[in-house]
Structures are given as C-alpha cells and as structure tokens.
C-alpha cells in the first residue's frame, strides 16, 4: 500500500457559535471565536490517498487529477468564504474544523470513487500552525 499526499491552501472566516445556547454560554465555551463579526484563518488541507501503484503508470493516482478534484470540489467552495454563511455543505452545521473535515471527506470520497481505485486514507486540516485535526472517515 502506498500513501500519496496533496497539500492545498484556502482562506476563510467563521464563527464558532451554537444557536441553541445563549450569547454568554457561547462566549464561555468558544471565547473570542464566538465573535459576532467572525474571524479568519489561513487553512492548510492535506489529503492522503492510498492504493497500489498502477503497473502502467506507476501512479496510485494522477496527482494532477487529484489536485483538480480538490480545487473544484473543495477549495473553490471554501476559499475567501464565510464558512457559516457561504458554504452550502455547512449550512445548519457548526463551522468547527472537526465538522468541516468530515464534510470535506464526504465530498472527496464521492469524487474519487468515480475516477480511481485509490481511496482516501486521511484528511488533515490545519486551522493554525499549532491547531489541526485529522480524519480517517470513521
């Protein structure tokens, strides 16, 4: 099994806020991230795909195609957007990194299934250089 990785970047704003809670509870739990005027991050997305290299190409997946899929299906929907307001697949969901990475997985898993035998292994999403989440589809 070979694991290949693709790194992409996007900038986005969000607000951590549970609409079922009071302003006070949101501020207590989320602190300044509950700011009503949102806050932004320079996100880094690392997509890991696994599979056996194709004997004809030596590729697990054509990295150019992988990059195109990530850009079309994910980055174009997130870059320079407000995650709470502009992103259709996050509507009605909390805009945390944990929720975001799970939604990205669903999108990429479907898109990859149509073009390759390689499968997603991991998605890592950096919100800051110190804070990131990993998701394995479980």
Protein backbone atom coordinates (compact mmCIF):
# COMPACT_ATOMS: atom_id res chain seq x y z
CA UNK A 1 0.00 0.00 0.00
CA UNK A 2 1.36 3.41 -1.00
CA UNK A 3 0.14 6.69 0.50
CA UNK A 4 0.29 9.90 -1.54
CA UNK A 5 -0.40 13.39 -0.25
CA UNK A 6 -1.62 16.63 -1.76
CA UNK A 7 -1.46 19.97 0.07
CA UNK A 8 -3.81 22.84 -0.73
CA UNK A 9 -4.47 26.17 0.98
CA UNK A 10 -7.52 28.33 1.45
CA UNK A 11 -8.51 31.37 3.47
CA UNK A 12 -11.87 31.54 5.18
CA UNK A 13 -13.76 33.16 8.02
CA UNK A 14 -16.06 31.51 10.51
CA UNK A 15 -17.73 31.88 13.85
CA UNK A 16 -17.93 29.17 16.46
CA UNK A 17 -21.44 29.57 17.77
CA UNK A 18 -24.19 27.22 18.87
CA UNK A 19 -27.56 28.85 18.11
CA UNK A 20 -29.21 26.77 20.86
CA UNK A 21 -27.07 28.50 23.50
CA UNK A 22 -27.13 31.99 24.95
CA UNK A 23 -24.53 34.58 23.96
CA UNK A 24 -22.99 34.15 27.40
CA UNK A 25 -22.62 30.37 27.06
CA UNK A 26 -21.18 30.72 23.54
CA UNK A 27 -18.60 33.21 24.83
CA UNK A 28 -17.81 30.93 27.79
CA UNK A 29 -17.24 27.86 25.58
CA UNK A 30 -15.81 29.40 22.39
CA UNK A 31 -14.22 32.60 23.75
CA UNK A 32 -13.22 35.14 21.10
CA UNK A 33 -14.04 32.59 18.37
CA UNK A 34 -17.73 33.32 19.09
CA UNK A 35 -17.25 36.92 17.89
CA UNK A 36 -20.41 38.03 16.10
CA UNK A 37 -18.27 39.57 13.35
CA UNK A 38 -16.40 36.32 12.64
CA UNK A 39 -12.65 35.69 12.46
CA UNK A 40 -10.42 34.22 9.78
CA UNK A 41 -7.73 31.61 9.19
CA UNK A 42 -5.22 30.60 6.56
CA UNK A 43 -6.12 26.93 6.35
CA UNK A 44 -3.89 24.15 5.05
CA UNK A 45 -5.57 20.99 3.78
CA UNK A 46 -3.58 17.78 3.34
CA UNK A 47 -5.35 14.95 1.53
CA UNK A 48 -3.84 11.47 1.74
CA UNK A 49 -4.90 8.83 -0.77
CA UNK A 50 -3.88 5.17 -0.60
CA UNK A 51 -3.63 2.39 -3.12
CA UNK A 52 -1.36 0.20 -5.18
CA UNK A 53 0.59 1.82 -7.99
CA UNK A 54 -0.87 1.18 -11.43
CA UNK A 55 1.57 -1.09 -13.31
CA UNK A 56 1.20 1.01 -16.49
CA UNK A 57 1.82 4.44 -14.91
CA UNK A 58 3.46 3.75 -11.56
CA UNK A 59 0.85 6.09 -10.02
CA UNK A 60 -1.50 5.42 -7.12
CA UNK A 61 -3.41 8.38 -8.56
CA UNK A 62 -2.55 11.04 -11.10
CA UNK A 63 -1.59 13.95 -8.80
CA UNK A 64 -2.75 16.48 -11.38
CA UNK A 65 -6.24 14.94 -11.34
CA UNK A 66 -6.21 14.77 -7.56
CA UNK A 67 -5.31 18.45 -7.39
CA UNK A 68 -8.07 19.35 -9.85
CA UNK A 69 -10.67 17.44 -7.84
CA UNK A 70 -9.64 19.04 -4.56
CA UNK A 71 -9.67 22.51 -6.10
CA UNK A 72 -13.02 22.09 -7.92
CA UNK A 73 -14.89 20.20 -5.22
CA UNK A 74 -13.49 21.81 -2.07
CA UNK A 75 -11.16 24.79 -2.40
CA UNK A 76 -13.33 26.81 -4.79
CA UNK A 77 -16.26 26.39 -2.36
CA UNK A 78 -14.24 27.45 0.70
CA UNK A 79 -11.57 29.96 -0.37
CA UNK A 80 -12.30 33.53 0.70
CA UNK A 81 -15.72 32.48 2.01
CA UNK A 82 -17.57 32.78 5.28
CA UNK A 83 -17.97 29.15 6.34
CA UNK A 84 -21.12 29.90 8.34
CA UNK A 85 -22.89 31.82 5.60
CA UNK A 86 -21.46 30.99 2.15
CA UNK A 87 -20.78 27.25 2.15
CA UNK A 88 -23.74 25.10 1.16
CA UNK A 89 -22.47 21.86 2.70
CA UNK A 90 -22.05 23.54 6.11
CA UNK A 91 -25.50 25.07 6.32
CA UNK A 92 -27.16 24.12 9.60
CA UNK A 93 -23.89 22.72 10.98
CA UNK A 94 -21.35 24.11 13.42
CA UNK A 95 -18.41 25.56 11.50
CA UNK A 96 -15.70 23.84 13.54
CA UNK A 97 -12.66 22.25 11.94
CA UNK A 98 -13.90 18.86 13.08
CA UNK A 99 -17.19 19.24 11.23
CA UNK A 100 -15.51 20.82 8.22
CA UNK A 101 -13.01 17.98 7.77
CA UNK A 102 -15.82 15.39 7.96
CA UNK A 103 -17.79 17.22 5.27
CA UNK A 104 -14.72 17.54 3.05
CA UNK A 105 -14.21 13.77 3.38
CA UNK A 106 -17.75 13.07 2.12
CA UNK A 107 -17.21 15.27 -0.92
CA UNK A 108 -13.81 13.89 -1.85
CA UNK A 109 -14.74 10.27 -1.20
CA UNK A 110 -17.59 10.53 -3.74
CA UNK A 111 -15.49 12.39 -6.29
CA UNK A 112 -12.55 9.96 -6.09
CA UNK A 113 -14.78 6.91 -6.32
CA UNK A 114 -15.77 7.99 -9.84
CA UNK A 115 -12.22 8.25 -11.25
CA UNK A 116 -9.86 5.89 -9.41
CA UNK A 117 -9.43 2.73 -7.42
CA UNK A 118 -7.36 4.69 -4.90
CA UNK A 119 -9.20 5.55 -1.71
CA UNK A 120 -8.99 8.31 0.86
CA UNK A 121 -6.86 7.43 3.84
CA UNK A 122 -6.66 10.67 5.82
CA UNK A 123 -7.53 14.33 5.67
CA UNK A 124 -5.56 16.73 7.85
CA UNK A 125 -6.81 20.29 8.23
CA UNK A 126 -4.62 22.94 9.83
CA UNK A 127 -6.53 25.90 11.21
CA UNK A 128 -3.35 27.44 12.62
CA UNK A 129 0.24 26.19 12.71
CA UNK A 130 -0.50 24.85 16.22
CA UNK A 131 -4.05 23.53 15.76
CA UNK A 132 -5.10 20.83 13.33
CA UNK A 133 -7.49 17.91 13.02
CA UNK A 134 -7.12 14.51 11.36
CA UNK A 135 -9.98 12.45 9.96
CA UNK A 136 -9.92 8.89 8.64
CA UNK A 137 -13.55 8.52 7.60
CA UNK A 138 -14.55 6.65 10.74
